[in-house]
Structure formats: C-alpha cells, structure tokens
Amino acid sequence: FGETDIEQQKMFKDAYGGKENIKEVTLTQNRITVTVVDVDKVDLAELQILGATGVLITQNTIKCSYQERAPFIYKLLQ
C-alpha cells in the first residue's frame, strides 16, 4: 500500500461509518457487499462520490457496484 492507498482506505472506511462499523466485506464480480453494525452511520452520498453505482441497502448490508475498481476497493476495506 502506498500513501495514496492509505488515504483512499480511510475515505472508504469512513464512508461506511468507520472501521469499527464494518463487520464483513465480500466481493462478487464488480459488487462489494459490506455488512455494518449501524447502517445510519453510512454516508451514502460519499459512497456515490467515491464511485459507487447501484447502491442497494437491505437491513445492515450495503451492496455497491464499483465496476472494474471493485477488487481494489475490496482490498482497501479488508
């Protein structure tokens, strides 16, 4: 991880409500599924600014499509 990656990692984790709010992250093709402790802490507008399309929320799970960037973002969130 370079310095830029660490900054991006913080931005993505903050958008999902912070590191302590993220319970589980899975990658399926171009979609990342994040299970969170408190869905109210997730900044949906920030996720879209960071490139998420097709944001779907069910209970404490947020599914976002990130196209070809998905594997990179998945690594950031782990």
PDB file of N, CA and C in Angstrom:
ATOM      1  N   PHE A   1       0.838  -1.197   0.000  1.00  0.00           N
ATOM      2  CA  PHE A   1       0.000   0.000   0.000  1.00  0.00           C
ATOM      3  C   PHE A   1       0.870   1.243   0.000  1.00  0.00           C
ATOM      4  N   GLY A   2       0.601   2.142  -0.920  1.00  0.00           N
ATOM      5  CA  GLY A   2       1.281   3.430  -0.903  1.00  0.00           C
ATOM      6  C   GLY A   2       0.509   4.406  -0.045  1.00  0.00           C
ATOM      7  N   GLU A   3       1.049   5.623   0.053  1.00  0.00           N
ATOM      8  CA  GLU A   3       0.392   6.658   0.867  1.00  0.00           C
ATOM      9  C   GLU A   3      -0.996   7.001   0.325  1.00  0.00           C
ATOM     10  N   THR A   4      -1.111   7.059  -1.004  1.00  0.00           N
ATOM     11  CA  THR A   4      -2.400   7.369  -1.641  1.00  0.00           C
ATOM     12  C   THR A   4      -3.429   6.299  -1.296  1.00  0.00           C
ATOM     13  N   ASP A   5      -2.999   5.030  -1.295  1.00  0.00           N
ATOM     14  CA  ASP A   5      -3.908   3.933  -0.979  1.00  0.00           C
ATOM     15  C   ASP A   5      -4.408   4.035   0.462  1.00  0.00           C
ATOM     16  N   ILE A   6      -3.522   4.425   1.372  1.00  0.00           N
ATOM     17  CA  ILE A   6      -3.911   4.552   2.785  1.00  0.00           C
ATOM     18  C   ILE A   6      -4.945   5.672   2.941  1.00  0.00           C
ATOM     19  N   GLU A   7      -4.764   6.775   2.205  1.00  0.00           N
ATOM     20  CA  GLU A   7      -5.745   7.867   2.233  1.00  0.00           C
ATOM     21  C   GLU A   7      -7.090   7.382   1.690  1.00  0.00           C
ATOM     22  N   GLN A   8      -7.047   6.652   0.579  1.00  0.00           N
ATOM     23  CA  GLN A   8      -8.287   6.126  -0.008  1.00  0.00           C
ATOM     24  C   GLN A   8      -8.947   5.128   0.935  1.00  0.00           C
ATOM     25  N   GLN A   9      -8.132   4.295   1.592  1.00  0.00           N
ATOM     26  CA  GLN A   9      -8.659   3.313   2.536  1.00  0.00           C
ATOM     27  C   GLN A   9      -9.442   4.025   3.637  1.00  0.00           C
ATOM     28  N   LYS A  10      -8.889   5.120   4.160  1.00  0.00           N
ATOM     29  CA  LYS A  10      -9.568   5.880   5.211  1.00  0.00           C
ATOM     30  C   LYS A  10     -10.871   6.478   4.676  1.00  0.00           C
ATOM     31  N   MET A  11     -10.832   7.029   3.457  1.00  0.00           N
ATOM     32  CA  MET A  11     -12.038   7.634   2.875  1.00  0.00           C
ATOM     33  C   MET A  11     -13.156   6.592   2.735  1.00  0.00           C
ATOM     34  N   PHE A  12     -12.812   5.404   2.228  1.00  0.00           N
ATOM     35  CA  PHE A  12     -13.827   4.362   2.054  1.00  0.00           C
ATOM     36  C   PHE A  12     -14.339   3.850   3.396  1.00  0.00           C
ATOM     37  N   LYS A  13     -13.437   3.599   4.333  1.00  0.00           N
ATOM     38  CA  LYS A  13     -13.866   3.102   5.650  1.00  0.00           C
ATOM     39  C   LYS A  13     -14.733   4.149   6.351  1.00  0.00           C
ATOM     40  N   ASP A  14     -14.364   5.419   6.243  1.00  0.00           N
ATOM     41  CA  ASP A  14     -15.170   6.489   6.843  1.00  0.00           C
ATOM     42  C   ASP A  14     -16.553   6.546   6.204  1.00  0.00           C
ATOM     43  N   ALA A  15     -16.623   6.355   4.886  1.00  0.00           N
ATOM     44  CA  ALA A  15     -17.916   6.387   4.183  1.00  0.00           C
ATOM     45  C   ALA A  15     -18.832   5.268   4.675  1.00  0.00           C
ATOM     46  N   TYR A  16     -18.236   4.147   5.082  1.00  0.00           N
ATOM     47  CA  TYR A  16     -19.025   3.034   5.628  1.00  0.00           C
ATOM     48  C   TYR A  16     -19.212   3.162   7.134  1.00  0.00           C
ATOM     49  N   GLY A  17     -18.923   4.313   7.696  1.00  0.00           N
ATOM     50  CA  GLY A  17     -19.167   4.557   9.116  1.00  0.00           C
ATOM     51  C   GLY A  17     -17.966   4.293  10.006  1.00  0.00           C
ATOM     52  N   GLY A  18     -16.802   4.089   9.403  1.00  0.00           N
ATOM     53  CA  GLY A  18     -15.586   3.851  10.183  1.00  0.00           C
ATOM     54  C   GLY A  18     -15.265   2.371  10.300  1.00  0.00           C
ATOM     55  N   LYS A  19     -13.996   2.098  10.596  1.00  0.00           N
ATOM     56  CA  LYS A  19     -13.507   0.717  10.679  1.00  0.00           C
ATOM     57  C   LYS A  19     -14.330  -0.134  11.641  1.00  0.00           C
ATOM     58  N   GLU A  20     -14.695   0.448  12.785  1.00  0.00           N
ATOM     59  CA  GLU A  20     -15.426  -0.314  13.803  1.00  0.00           C
ATOM     60  C   GLU A  20     -16.874  -0.591  13.396  1.00  0.00           C
ATOM     61  N   ASN A  21     -17.361   0.091  12.357  1.00  0.00           N
ATOM     62  CA  ASN A  21     -18.735  -0.126  11.889  1.00  0.00           C
ATOM     63  C   ASN A  21     -18.810  -1.237  10.843  1.00  0.00           C
ATOM     64  N   ILE A  22     -17.669  -1.641  10.291  1.00  0.00           N
ATOM     65  CA  ILE A  22     -17.635  -2.653   9.238  1.00  0.00           C
ATOM     66  C   ILE A  22     -17.459  -4.033   9.865  1.00  0.00           C
ATOM     67  N   LYS A  23     -18.472  -4.908   9.656  1.00  0.00           N
ATOM     68  CA  LYS A  23     -18.409  -6.265  10.211  1.00  0.00           C
ATOM     69  C   LYS A  23     -17.833  -7.247   9.203  1.00  0.00           C
ATOM     70  N   GLU A  24     -18.250  -7.150   7.952  1.00  0.00           N
ATOM     71  CA  GLU A  24     -17.836  -8.123   6.941  1.00  0.00           C
ATOM     72  C   GLU A  24     -17.847  -7.475   5.561  1.00  0.00           C
ATOM     73  N   VAL A  25     -16.886  -7.863   4.719  1.00  0.00           N
ATOM     74  CA  VAL A  25     -16.795  -7.349   3.353  1.00  0.00           C
ATOM     75  C   VAL A  25     -16.638  -8.533   2.411  1.00  0.00           C
ATOM     76  N   THR A  26     -17.480  -8.588   1.387  1.00  0.00           N
ATOM     77  CA  THR A  26     -17.344  -9.641   0.378  1.00  0.00           C
ATOM     78  C   THR A  26     -17.340  -9.012  -1.008  1.00  0.00           C
ATOM     79  N   LEU A  27     -16.692  -9.703  -1.927  1.00  0.00           N
ATOM     80  CA  LEU A  27     -16.568  -9.239  -3.313  1.00  0.00           C
ATOM     81  C   LEU A  27     -17.209 -10.279  -4.226  1.00  0.00           C
ATOM     82  N   THR A  28     -18.140  -9.836  -5.071  1.00  0.00           N
ATOM     83  CA  THR A  28     -18.762 -10.696  -6.068  1.00  0.00           C
ATOM     84  C   THR A  28     -18.725  -9.951  -7.393  1.00  0.00           C
ATOM     85  N   GLN A  29     -17.890 -10.410  -8.305  1.00  0.00           N
ATOM     86  CA  GLN A  29     -17.697  -9.747  -9.585  1.00  0.00           C
ATOM     87  C   GLN A  29     -17.358  -8.277  -9.351  1.00  0.00           C
ATOM     88  N   ASN A  30     -18.198  -7.352  -9.800  1.00  0.00           N
ATOM     89  CA  ASN A  30     -17.909  -5.919  -9.646  1.00  0.00           C
ATOM     90  C   ASN A  30     -18.659  -5.289  -8.480  1.00  0.00           C
ATOM     91  N   ARG A  31     -19.221  -6.131  -7.604  1.00  0.00           N
ATOM     92  CA  ARG A  31     -20.021  -5.624  -6.495  1.00  0.00           C
ATOM     93  C   ARG A  31     -19.361  -5.955  -5.167  1.00  0.00           C
ATOM     94  N   ILE A  32     -19.373  -4.971  -4.278  1.00  0.00           N
ATOM     95  CA  ILE A  32     -18.868  -5.169  -2.924  1.00  0.00           C
ATOM     96  C   ILE A  32     -20.053  -5.131  -1.973  1.00  0.00           C
ATOM     97  N   THR A  33     -20.124  -6.126  -1.105  1.00  0.00           N
ATOM     98  CA  THR A  33     -21.170  -6.181  -0.089  1.00  0.00           C
ATOM     99  C   THR A  33     -20.512  -5.960   1.261  1.00  0.00           C
ATOM    100  N   VAL A  34     -20.996  -4.952   1.969  1.00  0.00           N
ATOM    101  CA  VAL A  34     -20.445  -4.627   3.283  1.00  0.00           C
ATOM    102  C   VAL A  34     -21.563  -4.761   4.316  1.00  0.00           C
ATOM    103  N   THR A  35     -21.313  -5.597   5.322  1.00  0.00           N
ATOM    104  CA  THR A  35     -22.236  -5.724   6.446  1.00  0.00           C
ATOM    105  C   THR A  35     -21.726  -4.797   7.538  1.00  0.00           C
ATOM    106  N   VAL A  36     -22.618  -3.931   8.022  1.00  0.00           N
ATOM    107  CA  VAL A  36     -22.222  -2.930   9.016  1.00  0.00           C
ATOM    108  C   VAL A  36     -22.982  -3.134  10.325  1.00  0.00           C
ATOM    109  N   VAL A  37     -22.443  -2.550  11.386  1.00  0.00           N
ATOM    110  CA  VAL A  37     -23.088  -2.597  12.694  1.00  0.00           C
ATOM    111  C   VAL A  37     -24.301  -1.665  12.691  1.00  0.00           C
ATOM    112  N   ASP A  38     -24.119  -0.426  12.208  1.00  0.00           N
ATOM    113  CA  ASP A  38     -25.162   0.600  12.219  1.00  0.00           C
ATOM    114  C   ASP A  38     -25.258   1.248  10.843  1.00  0.00           C
ATOM    115  N   VAL A  39     -26.317   0.930  10.123  1.00  0.00           N
ATOM    116  CA  VAL A  39     -26.489   1.439   8.757  1.00  0.00           C
ATOM    117  C   VAL A  39     -26.652   2.963   8.735  1.00  0.00           C
ATOM    118  N   ASP A  40     -27.108   3.553   9.849  1.00  0.00           N
ATOM    119  CA  ASP A  40     -27.279   5.007   9.921  1.00  0.00           C
ATOM    120  C   ASP A  40     -25.957   5.765   9.875  1.00  0.00           C
ATOM    121  N   LYS A  41     -24.857   5.077  10.169  1.00  0.00           N
ATOM    122  CA  LYS A  41     -23.540   5.734  10.138  1.00  0.00           C
ATOM    123  C   LYS A  41     -22.944   5.777   8.730  1.00  0.00           C
ATOM    124  N   VAL A  42     -23.550   5.071   7.790  1.00  0.00           N
ATOM    125  CA  VAL A  42     -23.028   5.003   6.423  1.00  0.00           C
ATOM    126  C   VAL A  42     -23.421   6.267   5.662  1.00  0.00           C
ATOM    127  N   ASP A  43     -22.440   6.865   4.982  1.00  0.00           N
ATOM    128  CA  ASP A  43     -22.655   8.088   4.201  1.00  0.00           C
ATOM    129  C   ASP A  43     -22.867   7.701   2.737  1.00  0.00           C
ATOM    130  N   LEU A  44     -24.133   7.528   2.365  1.00  0.00           N
ATOM    131  CA  LEU A  44     -24.467   7.075   1.014  1.00  0.00           C
ATOM    132  C   LEU A  44     -24.009   8.062  -0.060  1.00  0.00           C
ATOM    133  N   ALA A  45     -24.143   9.345   0.211  1.00  0.00           N
ATOM    134  CA  ALA A  45     -23.707  10.364  -0.751  1.00  0.00           C
ATOM    135  C   ALA A  45     -22.200  10.245  -0.985  1.00  0.00           C
ATOM    136  N   GLU A  46     -21.441  10.008   0.083  1.00  0.00           N
ATOM    137  CA  GLU A  46     -19.987   9.872  -0.029  1.00  0.00           C
ATOM    138  C   GLU A  46     -19.622   8.613  -0.828  1.00  0.00           C
ATOM    139  N   LEU A  47     -20.354   7.533  -0.625  1.00  0.00           N
ATOM    140  CA  LEU A  47     -20.100   6.312  -1.400  1.00  0.00           C
ATOM    141  C   LEU A  47     -20.263   6.581  -2.889  1.00  0.00           C
ATOM    142  N   GLN A  48     -21.292   7.348  -3.245  1.00  0.00           N
ATOM    143  CA  GLN A  48     -21.516   7.675  -4.657  1.00  0.00           C
ATOM    144  C   GLN A  48     -20.412   8.590  -5.187  1.00  0.00           C
ATOM    145  N   ILE A  49     -19.966   9.522  -4.374  1.00  0.00           N
ATOM    146  CA  ILE A  49     -18.845  10.395  -4.766  1.00  0.00           C
ATOM    147  C   ILE A  49     -17.599   9.543  -5.011  1.00  0.00           C
ATOM    148  N   LEU A  50     -17.423   8.495  -4.210  1.00  0.00           N
ATOM    149  CA  LEU A  50     -16.272   7.609  -4.340  1.00  0.00           C
ATOM    150  C   LEU A  50     -16.423   6.594  -5.480  1.00  0.00           C
ATOM    151  N   GLY A  51     -17.532   6.665  -6.217  1.00  0.00           N
ATOM    152  CA  GLY A  51     -17.680   5.851  -7.414  1.00  0.00           C
ATOM    153  C   GLY A  51     -18.685   4.722  -7.348  1.00  0.00           C
ATOM    154  N   ALA A  52     -19.413   4.602  -6.249  1.00  0.00           N
ATOM    155  CA  ALA A  52     -20.405   3.527  -6.136  1.00  0.00           C
ATOM    156  C   ALA A  52     -21.606   3.834  -7.021  1.00  0.00           C
ATOM    157  N   THR A  53     -22.035   2.818  -7.751  1.00  0.00           N
ATOM    158  CA  THR A  53     -23.272   2.945  -8.526  1.00  0.00           C
ATOM    159  C   THR A  53     -24.186   1.818  -8.082  1.00  0.00           C
ATOM    160  N   GLY A  54     -25.450   1.984  -8.280  1.00  0.00           N
ATOM    161  CA  GLY A  54     -26.387   0.936  -7.916  1.00  0.00           C
ATOM    162  C   GLY A  54     -26.298   0.536  -6.461  1.00  0.00           C
ATOM    163  N   VAL A  55     -26.386   1.493  -5.558  1.00  0.00           N
ATOM    164  CA  VAL A  55     -26.309   1.220  -4.119  1.00  0.00           C
ATOM    165  C   VAL A  55     -27.624   0.595  -3.656  1.00  0.00           C
ATOM    166  N   LEU A  56     -27.510  -0.574  -3.012  1.00  0.00           N
ATOM    167  CA  LEU A  56     -28.677  -1.291  -2.518  1.00  0.00           C
ATOM    168  C   LEU A  56     -28.484  -1.565  -1.029  1.00  0.00           C
ATOM    169  N   ILE A  57     -29.490  -1.199  -0.237  1.00  0.00           N
ATOM    170  CA  ILE A  57     -29.399  -1.402   1.211  1.00  0.00           C
ATOM    171  C   ILE A  57     -30.504  -2.354   1.652  1.00  0.00           C
ATOM    172  N   THR A  58     -30.121  -3.413   2.352  1.00  0.00           N
ATOM    173  CA  THR A  58     -31.089  -4.316   2.972  1.00  0.00           C
ATOM    174  C   THR A  58     -30.621  -4.569   4.398  1.00  0.00           C
ATOM    175  N   GLN A  59     -31.427  -4.159   5.341  1.00  0.00           N
ATOM    176  CA  GLN A  59     -31.111  -4.262   6.766  1.00  0.00           C
ATOM    177  C   GLN A  59     -29.733  -3.657   7.046  1.00  0.00           C
ATOM    178  N   ASN A  60     -28.750  -4.455   7.446  1.00  0.00           N
ATOM    179  CA  ASN A  60     -27.416  -3.929   7.765  1.00  0.00           C
ATOM    180  C   ASN A  60     -26.396  -4.251   6.670  1.00  0.00           C
ATOM    181  N   THR A  61     -26.873  -4.437   5.446  1.00  0.00           N
ATOM    182  CA  THR A  61     -25.998  -4.786   4.340  1.00  0.00           C
ATOM    183  C   THR A  61     -26.096  -3.732   3.247  1.00  0.00           C
ATOM    184  N   ILE A  62     -24.943  -3.270   2.794  1.00  0.00           N
ATOM    185  CA  ILE A  62     -24.887  -2.291   1.712  1.00  0.00           C
ATOM    186  C   ILE A  62     -24.162  -2.933   0.541  1.00  0.00           C
ATOM    187  N   LYS A  63     -24.843  -3.016  -0.598  1.00  0.00           N
ATOM    188  CA  LYS A  63     -24.236  -3.561  -1.814  1.00  0.00           C
ATOM    189  C   LYS A  63     -24.008  -2.410  -2.775  1.00  0.00           C
ATOM    190  N   CYS A  64     -22.768  -2.291  -3.262  1.00  0.00           N
ATOM    191  CA  CYS A  64     -22.423  -1.230  -4.204  1.00  0.00           C
ATOM    192  C   CYS A  64     -21.662  -1.820  -5.369  1.00  0.00           C
ATOM    193  N   SER A  65     -21.992  -1.351  -6.560  1.00  0.00           N
ATOM    194  CA  SER A  65     -21.234  -1.747  -7.740  1.00  0.00           C
ATOM    195  C   SER A  65     -20.131  -0.712  -7.951  1.00  0.00           C
ATOM    196  N   TYR A  66     -18.911  -1.184  -8.154  1.00  0.00           N
ATOM    197  CA  TYR A  66     -17.768  -0.297  -8.392  1.00  0.00           C
ATOM    198  C   TYR A  66     -17.087  -0.589  -9.727  1.00  0.00           C
ATOM    199  N   GLN A  67     -17.763  -1.351 -10.592  1.00  0.00           N
ATOM    200  CA  GLN A  67     -17.211  -1.727 -11.893  1.00  0.00           C
ATOM    201  C   GLN A  67     -15.841  -2.377 -11.731  1.00  0.00           C
ATOM    202  N   GLU A  68     -14.882  -2.023 -12.581  1.00  0.00           N
ATOM    203  CA  GLU A  68     -13.569  -2.682 -12.560  1.00  0.00           C
ATOM    204  C   GLU A  68     -12.730  -2.304 -11.338  1.00  0.00           C
ATOM    205  N   ARG A  69     -13.125  -1.284 -10.588  1.00  0.00           N
ATOM    206  CA  ARG A  69     -12.390  -0.884  -9.380  1.00  0.00           C
ATOM    207  C   ARG A  69     -12.738  -1.749  -8.167  1.00  0.00           C
ATOM    208  N   ALA A  70     -13.750  -2.601  -8.285  1.00  0.00           N
ATOM    209  CA  ALA A  70     -14.233  -3.391  -7.148  1.00  0.00           C
ATOM    210  C   ALA A  70     -13.131  -4.188  -6.435  1.00  0.00           C
ATOM    211  N   PRO A  71     -12.284  -4.938  -7.154  1.00  0.00           N
ATOM    212  CA  PRO A  71     -11.249  -5.708  -6.425  1.00  0.00           C
ATOM    213  C   PRO A  71     -10.292  -4.812  -5.626  1.00  0.00           C
ATOM    214  N   PHE A  72      -9.947  -3.651  -6.173  1.00  0.00           N
ATOM    215  CA  PHE A  72      -9.057  -2.714  -5.476  1.00  0.00           C
ATOM    216  C   PHE A  72      -9.737  -2.172  -4.211  1.00  0.00           C
ATOM    217  N   ILE A  73     -10.990  -1.771  -4.330  1.00  0.00           N
ATOM    218  CA  ILE A  73     -11.734  -1.225  -3.191  1.00  0.00           C
ATOM    219  C   ILE A  73     -11.946  -2.310  -2.130  1.00  0.00           C
ATOM    220  N   TYR A  74     -12.180  -3.542  -2.591  1.00  0.00           N
ATOM    221  CA  TYR A  74     -12.327  -4.670  -1.661  1.00  0.00           C
ATOM    222  C   TYR A  74     -11.076  -4.795  -0.790  1.00  0.00           C
ATOM    223  N   LYS A  75      -9.894  -4.696  -1.408  1.00  0.00           N
ATOM    224  CA  LYS A  75      -8.628  -4.781  -0.655  1.00  0.00           C
ATOM    225  C   LYS A  75      -8.520  -3.624   0.346  1.00  0.00           C
ATOM    226  N   LEU A  76      -8.976  -2.445  -0.057  1.00  0.00           N
ATOM    227  CA  LEU A  76      -8.921  -1.285   0.847  1.00  0.00           C
ATOM    228  C   LEU A  76      -9.771  -1.512   2.097  1.00  0.00           C
ATOM    229  N   LEU A  77     -10.905  -2.165   1.920  1.00  0.00           N
ATOM    230  CA  LEU A  77     -11.867  -2.315   3.017  1.00  0.00           C
ATOM    231  C   LEU A  77     -11.542  -3.482   3.947  1.00  0.00           C
ATOM    232  N   GLN A  78     -10.621  -4.350   3.574  1.00  0.00           N
ATOM    233  CA  GLN A  78     -10.315  -5.508   4.409  1.00  0.00           C
ATOM    234  C   GLN A  78      -9.520  -5.153   5.634  1.00  0.00           C
TER     235      GLN A  78
END
